[in-house]
Amino acid sequence: MAGSTDLMARLRQEAEGCYSWSNGPGDRYAPHSHSYEKVLYCVSGSITFTLPDQEIRLGPGDRMVLAPGTVHGAMVGADGCTCIEGRGGNMAAR
């Protein structure tokens, strides 16, 4: 698995406004969407994103890209998680 510095360097090549965040075990995000393409890497722990038609489980080093307007919620795994994310180049139509 790539280290957090390597993952951030990779993310910065494909996204802007990059930042890191962490959550504790079992934390949840209610369904929501963004007007931008969301590019996310899981650095440590795990998190499961719930989309209308699928679940995406991410562990250390895993990458996910969500198109603008994609409704998604999430639940953090038993060990918590740290992720990095940014806005990709694909913006929603206005």
Protein backbone atom coordinates (compact mmCIF):
# COMPACT_ATOMS: atom_id res chain seq x y z
CA MET A 1 0.00 0.00 0.00
CA ALA A 2 1.17 3.52 -0.73
CA GLY A 3 1.91 5.80 2.22
CA SER A 4 -0.25 8.84 3.01
CA THR A 5 2.32 11.21 1.45
CA ASP A 6 2.32 9.17 -1.77
CA LEU A 7 -1.48 9.10 -1.86
CA MET A 8 -1.73 12.86 -1.35
CA ALA A 9 0.78 13.44 -4.16
CA ARG A 10 -1.28 11.17 -6.42
CA LEU A 11 -4.53 12.93 -5.45
CA ARG A 12 -3.05 16.37 -6.15
CA GLN A 13 -2.27 15.26 -9.72
CA GLU A 14 -5.97 14.61 -10.41
CA ALA A 15 -7.88 16.96 -8.10
CA GLU A 16 -7.83 20.40 -6.50
CA GLY A 17 -8.79 21.61 -3.04
CA CYS A 18 -7.32 18.45 -1.51
CA TYR A 19 -7.65 17.85 2.22
CA SER A 20 -7.60 15.10 4.85
CA TRP A 21 -10.33 14.10 7.28
CA SER A 22 -10.90 11.41 9.90
CA ASN A 23 -13.88 9.85 11.63
CA GLY A 24 -14.37 7.48 14.52
CA PRO A 25 -15.75 3.94 14.41
CA GLY A 26 -19.37 3.72 13.32
CA ASP A 27 -19.71 7.38 12.34
CA ARG A 28 -22.29 7.91 9.58
CA TYR A 29 -22.95 10.42 6.83
CA ALA A 30 -26.55 10.90 5.72
CA PRO A 31 -27.25 10.71 1.98
CA HIS A 32 -26.09 13.85 0.15
CA SER A 33 -24.46 14.91 -3.12
CA HIS A 34 -21.88 17.38 -4.42
CA SER A 35 -21.86 19.60 -7.51
CA TYR A 36 -18.32 18.44 -8.33
CA GLU A 37 -16.55 15.19 -9.09
CA LYS A 38 -15.36 13.78 -5.75
CA VAL A 39 -12.00 11.95 -5.84
CA LEU A 40 -11.24 10.15 -2.58
CA TYR A 41 -8.54 7.81 -1.24
CA CYS A 42 -8.83 5.86 2.00
CA VAL A 43 -5.54 6.27 3.89
CA SER A 44 -6.28 4.09 6.93
CA GLY A 45 -9.16 2.16 8.47
CA SER A 46 -12.25 1.56 6.35
CA ILE A 47 -15.41 3.27 5.15
CA THR A 48 -18.38 2.03 3.15
CA PHE A 49 -20.14 4.41 0.78
CA THR A 50 -23.78 3.64 0.01
CA LEU A 51 -25.07 4.68 -3.41
CA PRO A 52 -28.61 4.08 -4.67
CA ASP A 53 -27.54 0.95 -6.57
CA GLN A 54 -24.42 -0.30 -4.77
CA GLU A 55 -22.10 -0.20 -1.77
CA ILE A 56 -18.42 0.64 -2.14
CA ARG A 57 -16.14 -0.53 0.69
CA LEU A 58 -12.78 1.21 0.86
CA GLY A 59 -9.71 0.17 2.82
CA PRO A 60 -6.18 1.57 2.96
CA GLY A 61 -4.97 2.67 -0.48
CA ASP A 62 -8.36 2.28 -2.20
CA ARG A 63 -9.62 5.04 -4.53
CA MET A 64 -13.16 6.13 -5.38
CA VAL A 65 -14.47 8.69 -7.86
CA LEU A 66 -18.07 9.92 -7.69
CA ALA A 67 -19.61 11.85 -10.57
CA PRO A 68 -21.17 15.24 -9.79
CA GLY A 69 -24.65 14.90 -8.31
CA THR A 70 -24.18 11.28 -7.17
CA VAL A 71 -26.24 10.73 -4.01
CA HIS A 72 -24.17 8.88 -1.41
CA GLY A 73 -24.05 8.21 2.31
CA ALA A 74 -21.31 6.50 4.28
CA MET A 75 -20.56 4.46 7.38
CA VAL A 76 -17.11 4.30 8.95
CA GLY A 77 -15.70 0.88 9.83
CA ALA A 78 -14.85 -0.56 13.25
CA ASP A 79 -11.35 0.98 13.34
CA GLY A 80 -12.37 4.47 12.17
CA CYS A 81 -10.92 5.95 9.00
CA THR A 82 -8.72 8.66 7.57
CA CYS A 83 -9.37 9.75 4.00
CA ILE A 84 -8.10 12.38 1.61
CA GLU A 85 -10.26 13.95 -1.06
CA GLY A 86 -10.47 16.71 -3.61
CA ARG A 87 -12.53 18.06 -6.48
CA GLY A 88 -11.84 16.45 -9.84
CA GLY A 89 -12.18 18.23 -13.17
CA ASN A 90 -15.71 17.03 -13.94
CA MET A 91 -18.23 19.67 -12.82
CA ALA A 92 -22.01 19.37 -12.89
CA ALA A 93 -23.99 21.30 -15.48
CA ARG A 94 -25.69 24.41 -14.07
